[in-house]
N, C-alpha and C. Protein backbone atom coordinates (compact mmCIF):
# COMPACT_ATOMS: atom_id res chain seq x y z
N MET A 1 -1.90 0.76 27.25
CA MET A 1 -2.09 1.66 27.78
C MET A 1 -3.64 0.21 28.40
N PRO A 2 -4.04 -0.26 27.80
CA PRO A 2 -4.79 -1.46 28.75
C PRO A 2 -3.71 -2.12 30.02
N LEU A 3 -2.78 -2.46 30.02
CA LEU A 3 -2.08 -3.09 31.36
C LEU A 3 -2.47 -2.03 32.22
N VAL A 4 -2.08 -0.54 31.73
CA VAL A 4 -1.80 0.15 32.51
C VAL A 4 -2.68 0.15 33.25
N ARG A 5 -3.91 0.42 32.83
CA ARG A 5 -5.81 0.77 33.40
C ARG A 5 -5.98 -0.19 34.19
N GLN A 6 -5.16 -1.31 33.88
CA GLN A 6 -5.72 -3.26 34.49
C GLN A 6 -5.05 -3.17 36.15
N TRP A 7 -3.88 -2.31 36.11
CA TRP A 7 -3.53 -2.63 37.54
C TRP A 7 -3.92 -1.24 38.54
N TRP A 8 -4.55 -0.10 38.00
CA TRP A 8 -5.22 0.54 38.63
C TRP A 8 -6.50 0.09 38.83
N LEU A 9 -7.38 -0.21 38.28
CA LEU A 9 -8.51 -0.51 38.45
C LEU A 9 -8.18 -2.29 39.68
N PHE A 10 -7.11 -2.81 39.75
CA PHE A 10 -7.40 -3.14 40.43
C PHE A 10 -6.50 -3.00 42.00
N THR A 11 -5.84 -1.96 41.73
CA THR A 11 -5.66 -1.41 42.79
C THR A 11 -6.37 -0.34 44.06
N VAL A 12 -7.38 0.39 42.90
CA VAL A 12 -8.27 0.76 43.71
C VAL A 12 -9.33 -0.74 44.77
N ALA A 13 -10.20 -1.77 43.77
CA ALA A 13 -10.22 -2.66 44.42
C ALA A 13 -9.78 -3.20 45.26
N VAL A 14 -9.10 -3.26 45.60
CA VAL A 14 -7.38 -3.41 46.88
C VAL A 14 -7.80 -3.07 48.04
N TYR A 15 -7.59 -1.42 47.43
CA TYR A 15 -7.95 -0.45 48.10
C TYR A 15 -9.40 -0.66 49.16
N ILE A 16 -10.67 -1.20 48.51
CA ILE A 16 -11.91 -0.91 47.96
C ILE A 16 -12.51 -1.85 49.15
N SER A 17 -11.50 -2.84 48.88
CA SER A 17 -11.98 -4.65 49.56
C SER A 17 -11.41 -4.18 51.28
N GLN A 18 -10.19 -3.55 51.59
CA GLN A 18 -9.74 -3.11 52.67
C GLN A 18 -9.99 -2.47 53.87
N LEU A 19 -11.23 -2.09 53.16
CA LEU A 19 -12.38 -1.08 53.99
C LEU A 19 -12.23 0.86 53.71
N ARG A 20 -11.26 0.49 51.89
CA ARG A 20 -10.87 2.01 52.21
C ARG A 20 -10.25 2.49 53.22
N PRO A 21 -8.74 2.15 53.87
CA PRO A 21 -8.14 3.12 54.63
C PRO A 21 -8.10 4.22 54.94
N THR A 22 -7.85 4.62 55.25
CA THR A 22 -7.41 6.75 55.47
C THR A 22 -6.20 6.45 55.24
N ILE A 23 -6.21 7.44 53.82
CA ILE A 23 -4.39 7.84 53.91
C ILE A 23 -4.14 9.09 54.32
N GLU A 24 -2.73 9.06 55.21
CA GLU A 24 -2.91 10.22 55.49
C GLU A 24 -1.40 10.44 55.15
N LEU A 25 -1.49 10.93 54.78
CA LEU A 25 0.61 11.93 53.57
C LEU A 25 1.32 12.20 54.23
N HIS A 26 0.74 12.94 55.69
CA HIS A 26 1.79 13.12 57.06
C HIS A 26 2.17 12.94 57.30
N LYS A 27 1.90 11.75 58.07
CA LYS A 27 2.82 10.39 58.07
C LYS A 27 4.26 10.34 57.61
N ILE A 28 3.73 10.73 55.98
CA ILE A 28 5.24 10.17 55.55
C ILE A 28 6.15 12.06 54.87
N ASN A 29 4.99 12.98 55.37
CA ASN A 29 5.12 14.08 55.09
C ASN A 29 6.46 14.58 56.26
N GLN A 30 5.82 14.28 57.23
CA GLN A 30 6.59 14.44 58.41
C GLN A 30 7.62 13.58 59.06
N PHE A 31 7.56 12.20 58.17
CA PHE A 31 8.80 11.57 58.63
C PHE A 31 10.70 11.80 58.81
N GLU A 32 11.30 11.75 59.26
CA GLU A 32 12.46 12.69 59.50
C GLU A 32 12.83 11.37 59.05
N LEU A 33 13.75 11.37 58.32
CA LEU A 33 15.29 10.71 57.77
C LEU A 33 16.68 10.63 58.58
N GLU A 34 17.10 11.10 59.86
CA GLU A 34 17.87 11.26 60.02
C GLU A 34 19.20 10.79 59.84
N GLY A 35 19.53 10.98 58.21
CA GLY A 35 20.34 10.65 57.79
C GLY A 35 20.18 9.58 56.61
N ARG A 36 19.31 8.56 56.80
CA ARG A 36 18.87 7.61 55.85
C ARG A 36 18.54 7.63 55.02
N ASP A 37 19.55 7.22 53.56
CA ASP A 37 19.24 7.09 52.61
C ASP A 37 19.04 5.94 51.81
N TRP A 38 18.63 5.85 50.01
CA TRP A 38 18.44 4.40 49.67
C TRP A 38 19.72 3.07 50.51
N LYS A 39 20.35 3.63 50.30
CA LYS A 39 21.04 2.57 50.87
C LYS A 39 21.12 2.25 51.91
N TYR A 40 20.44 2.54 52.93
CA TYR A 40 19.85 2.07 54.43
C TYR A 40 18.54 1.21 53.36
N VAL A 41 17.81 1.74 52.89
CA VAL A 41 16.58 0.73 52.95
C VAL A 41 17.18 -0.06 51.82
N GLU A 42 18.04 -0.12 51.01
CA GLU A 42 18.72 -1.14 50.49
C GLU A 42 18.98 -2.09 51.66
N ASN A 43 19.75 -1.89 52.42
CA ASN A 43 20.57 -2.95 53.45
C ASN A 43 19.18 -3.57 54.59
N LYS A 44 18.10 -2.69 54.58
CA LYS A 44 16.89 -3.06 55.42
C LYS A 44 16.70 -4.11 54.64
N THR A 45 16.33 -4.30 53.46
CA THR A 45 15.50 -4.72 52.72
C THR A 45 16.45 -6.15 52.51
N LEU A 46 17.45 -6.16 51.86
CA LEU A 46 18.02 -7.40 51.74
C LEU A 46 19.02 -7.88 52.74
N ALA A 47 19.34 -7.48 53.78
CA ALA A 47 20.20 -8.05 54.99
C ALA A 47 19.51 -9.13 55.81
N SER A 48 18.21 -8.47 56.10
CA SER A 48 17.04 -8.53 57.07
C SER A 48 16.65 -9.93 56.16
N GLY A 49 15.87 -10.53 56.99
CA GLY A 49 14.58 -12.00 56.67
C GLY A 49 13.73 -11.44 55.59
N ARG A 50 13.74 -10.30 55.57
CA ARG A 50 12.45 -9.32 55.17
C ARG A 50 13.05 -9.82 53.01
N GLY A 51 14.06 -10.29 53.21
CA GLY A 51 14.71 -9.93 51.22
C GLY A 51 14.03 -11.44 50.96
N LEU A 52 13.79 -11.78 51.49
CA LEU A 52 13.54 -13.21 51.05
C LEU A 52 11.41 -13.31 50.81
N ASP A 53 11.14 -11.98 51.06
CA ASP A 53 9.80 -11.61 51.17
C ASP A 53 9.68 -10.86 48.97
N ALA A 54 8.97 -11.54 48.50
CA ALA A 54 8.96 -10.93 46.95
C ALA A 54 8.10 -9.88 47.23
N HIS A 55 6.97 -9.44 47.44
CA HIS A 55 6.13 -8.29 47.68
C HIS A 55 6.67 -7.73 48.53
N PHE A 56 7.95 -7.43 49.88
CA PHE A 56 8.66 -6.41 50.49
C PHE A 56 9.38 -6.03 50.05
N VAL A 57 10.40 -6.65 48.89
CA VAL A 57 11.48 -6.06 47.94
C VAL A 57 10.66 -4.85 47.21
N LYS A 58 10.14 -5.98 46.25
CA LYS A 58 8.69 -5.70 45.84
C LYS A 58 8.38 -3.67 45.36
N SER A 59 7.72 -3.17 47.14
CA SER A 59 7.18 -2.46 47.45
C SER A 59 8.79 -1.30 47.66
N CYS A 60 9.81 -1.62 48.43
CA CYS A 60 10.67 -1.08 48.17
C CYS A 60 11.64 -1.08 46.75
N ARG A 61 11.38 -1.29 46.08
CA ARG A 61 12.34 -0.98 44.54
C ARG A 61 10.63 0.13 44.07
N ALA A 62 9.40 -0.22 44.36
CA ALA A 62 8.83 0.15 43.86
C ALA A 62 8.96 1.82 43.81
N MET A 63 9.23 2.19 45.33
CA MET A 63 9.43 3.36 45.89
C MET A 63 10.43 3.72 45.30
N LYS A 64 11.50 3.11 45.05
CA LYS A 64 12.61 3.76 44.39
C LYS A 64 12.87 3.85 43.58
N GLU A 65 11.81 3.13 42.56
CA GLU A 65 11.87 3.98 40.58
C GLU A 65 10.69 5.06 40.50
N ALA A 66 9.49 4.80 41.10
CA ALA A 66 8.70 5.73 41.20
C ALA A 66 9.83 6.83 41.73
N ALA A 67 10.84 7.42 42.20
CA ALA A 67 11.11 8.70 42.49
C ALA A 67 12.60 8.76 40.94
N SER A 68 13.34 7.49 40.98
CA SER A 68 13.77 8.21 40.04
C SER A 68 13.31 8.27 38.65
N THR A 69 11.37 7.66 38.61
CA THR A 69 11.17 7.90 37.35
C THR A 69 10.37 9.57 37.36
N TRP A 70 9.98 10.19 38.85
CA TRP A 70 8.97 11.08 38.85
C TRP A 70 9.83 11.99 39.20
N GLY A 71 10.82 11.89 40.25
CA GLY A 71 11.57 13.40 40.66
C GLY A 71 11.42 12.75 42.21
N ASP A 72 11.94 12.79 42.86
CA ASP A 72 11.99 12.87 44.68
C ASP A 72 11.86 14.33 45.53
N GLU A 73 11.80 15.72 44.66
CA GLU A 73 12.68 16.44 45.34
C GLU A 73 12.39 16.90 46.88
N PHE A 74 10.98 16.43 47.29
CA PHE A 74 11.15 16.62 48.40
C PHE A 74 11.04 15.21 49.51
N SER A 75 11.63 14.32 49.11
CA SER A 75 12.07 13.17 49.43
C SER A 75 10.80 12.43 50.08
N PHE A 76 9.62 12.25 49.71
CA PHE A 76 8.53 11.68 49.65
C PHE A 76 8.59 10.25 49.57
N TYR A 77 9.34 9.97 48.55
CA TYR A 77 9.35 8.27 48.07
C TYR A 77 10.74 7.40 49.14
N LEU A 78 11.72 8.77 49.23
CA LEU A 78 12.04 7.98 49.94
C LEU A 78 12.01 7.47 51.80
N LYS A 79 11.03 9.05 52.12
CA LYS A 79 10.41 8.84 53.47
C LYS A 79 9.74 7.37 53.61
N ALA A 80 9.44 7.20 52.35
CA ALA A 80 8.07 6.90 52.38
C ALA A 80 8.71 5.49 52.59
N ALA A 81 9.56 5.13 51.38
CA ALA A 81 10.88 3.86 51.44
C ALA A 81 11.59 3.61 52.42
N VAL A 82 11.95 4.26 53.64
CA VAL A 82 12.25 3.65 54.80
C VAL A 82 11.95 4.07 56.18
N ARG A 83 10.74 4.57 56.22
CA ARG A 83 9.31 4.15 57.22
C ARG A 83 9.15 3.07 56.85
N PHE A 84 8.84 2.65 55.82
CA PHE A 84 8.17 1.19 55.51
C PHE A 84 9.42 0.24 55.82
N SER A 85 10.61 0.08 55.30
CA SER A 85 11.93 -0.76 55.82
C SER A 85 12.10 -1.01 56.93
N SER A 86 12.38 0.10 57.80
CA SER A 86 11.65 0.25 59.08
C SER A 86 11.23 -0.14 60.04
N GLU A 87 9.82 0.27 59.55
CA GLU A 87 8.38 -0.08 61.01
C GLU A 87 7.40 -0.88 60.59
N PHE A 88 7.81 -1.60 58.94
CA PHE A 88 7.05 -3.06 58.80
C PHE A 88 7.09 -3.73 59.55
N ASN A 89 6.22 -4.86 59.84
CA ASN A 89 5.55 -5.78 60.99
C ASN A 89 4.84 -7.06 60.77
N GLY A 90 4.93 -7.11 59.54
CA GLY A 90 3.89 -8.17 58.51
C GLY A 90 2.90 -7.72 58.02
N TRP A 91 2.39 -8.86 57.36
CA TRP A 91 1.43 -7.57 56.25
C TRP A 91 -0.21 -8.32 56.58
N GLY A 92 -0.84 -7.38 56.01
CA GLY A 92 -2.00 -6.96 57.37
C GLY A 92 -3.34 -6.07 56.13
N GLY A 93 -4.53 -6.12 57.04
CA GLY A 93 -5.00 -5.18 55.75
C GLY A 93 -6.27 -5.98 55.36
N PHE A 94 -6.07 -7.25 55.32
CA PHE A 94 -6.61 -8.04 54.48
C PHE A 94 -8.20 -8.45 54.59
N GLY A 95 -8.62 -7.95 55.62
CA GLY A 95 -9.84 -8.17 56.54
C GLY A 95 -10.30 -7.35 56.96
N PRO A 96 -11.38 -6.71 57.77
CA PRO A 96 -12.08 -6.18 58.59
C PRO A 96 -11.55 -7.06 60.34
N LEU A 97 -10.69 -5.74 60.99
CA LEU A 97 -10.39 -5.98 62.53
C LEU A 97 -11.40 -5.16 63.13
N ASP A 98 -11.76 -5.81 64.37
CA ASP A 98 -12.26 -4.83 65.22
C ASP A 98 -10.89 -4.56 65.87
N GLU A 99 -11.09 -3.75 67.26
CA GLU A 99 -10.35 -2.92 68.75
C GLU A 99 -8.90 -4.03 68.97
N GLU A 100 -9.80 -4.83 69.15
CA GLU A 100 -9.51 -6.36 69.91
C GLU A 100 -8.27 -7.25 68.88
N GLY A 101 -8.32 -6.87 67.70
CA GLY A 101 -7.72 -7.16 66.45
C GLY A 101 -8.31 -8.60 65.49
N MET A 102 -9.24 -8.94 66.46
CA MET A 102 -9.81 -10.00 65.71
C MET A 102 -10.90 -9.98 64.50
N ASP A 103 -10.50 -10.22 63.48
CA ASP A 103 -11.58 -10.61 62.95
C ASP A 103 -12.95 -10.32 62.39
N LEU A 104 -13.87 -9.61 62.08
CA LEU A 104 -14.63 -9.04 62.40
C LEU A 104 -15.61 -10.71 61.90
N ARG A 105 -15.00 -10.76 60.50
CA ARG A 105 -15.88 -11.66 60.05
C ARG A 105 -15.48 -13.04 60.95
N GLU A 106 -15.25 -13.51 61.42
CA GLU A 106 -14.94 -14.87 62.42
C GLU A 106 -15.82 -14.72 63.51
N ARG A 107 -16.11 -13.46 63.74
CA ARG A 107 -16.53 -12.88 64.76
C ARG A 107 -17.89 -13.14 64.34
N GLU A 108 -18.69 -12.88 63.45
CA GLU A 108 -19.63 -12.62 63.11
C GLU A 108 -19.64 -14.15 62.92
N LYS A 109 -19.13 -15.19 62.47
CA LYS A 109 -19.22 -16.89 62.38
C LYS A 109 -19.53 -17.53 63.83
N ASP A 110 -18.59 -17.20 64.70
CA ASP A 110 -19.02 -17.48 66.48
C ASP A 110 -19.60 -16.74 66.69
N ARG A 111 -20.50 -15.51 66.34
CA ARG A 111 -22.24 -15.17 66.56
C ARG A 111 -23.18 -15.97 66.04
N ASN A 112 -23.10 -16.26 65.09
CA ASN A 112 -24.16 -17.09 64.49
C ASN A 112 -23.65 -18.58 64.56
N TYR A 113 -22.88 -19.02 64.69
CA TYR A 113 -22.83 -20.54 65.29
C TYR A 113 -23.20 -20.98 66.56
N MET A 114 -23.25 -19.90 67.59
CA MET A 114 -23.36 -19.52 68.97
C MET A 114 -24.90 -19.55 69.12
N GLU A 115 -25.46 -18.81 67.76
CA GLU A 115 -26.96 -18.33 67.79
C GLU A 115 -27.83 -20.01 67.35
N VAL A 116 -26.98 -20.59 66.80
CA VAL A 116 -27.88 -21.80 66.69
C VAL A 116 -28.51 -23.20 67.13
N ASP A 117 -29.75 -23.20 67.38
CA ASP A 117 -30.45 -23.71 68.28
C ASP A 117 -29.66 -25.75 68.42
N PRO A 118 -29.38 -26.03 69.66
CA PRO A 118 -29.06 -27.40 69.33
C PRO A 118 -30.08 -28.02 68.80
N THR A 119 -31.30 -27.91 69.05
CA THR A 119 -32.25 -28.66 68.97
C THR A 119 -32.88 -28.49 67.51
N ASP A 120 -32.65 -27.41 66.93
CA ASP A 120 -33.00 -27.86 65.22
C ASP A 120 -32.24 -28.65 64.44
N ARG A 121 -31.55 -29.42 64.74
CA ARG A 121 -30.55 -30.29 63.79
C ARG A 121 -31.04 -31.37 63.78
């Protein structure tokens, strides 16, 4: 049990550190499978260059294992895996971004740098 608790606390910490993104379950529930199944997810994972990204592979595998462990009556895990594997375009979310996609921490550094009076040196 301590291992499960540790992973749960880690998950919560990552979620909070990413500025608590909104969880929108309807985006998965309303996703259309269009005949795609776990074989599609497997092929998409291994046949693409993403098969070398351990985190991508683990993410797809975790969804498949969750479906087999707890059941997937409404294909929620399958929909999530198909959407993830077909729409994935790189990892992100590890910092606050503004509307233009600039890291707000970098912008703050730039602002602070620009506000330094050169005569103070």
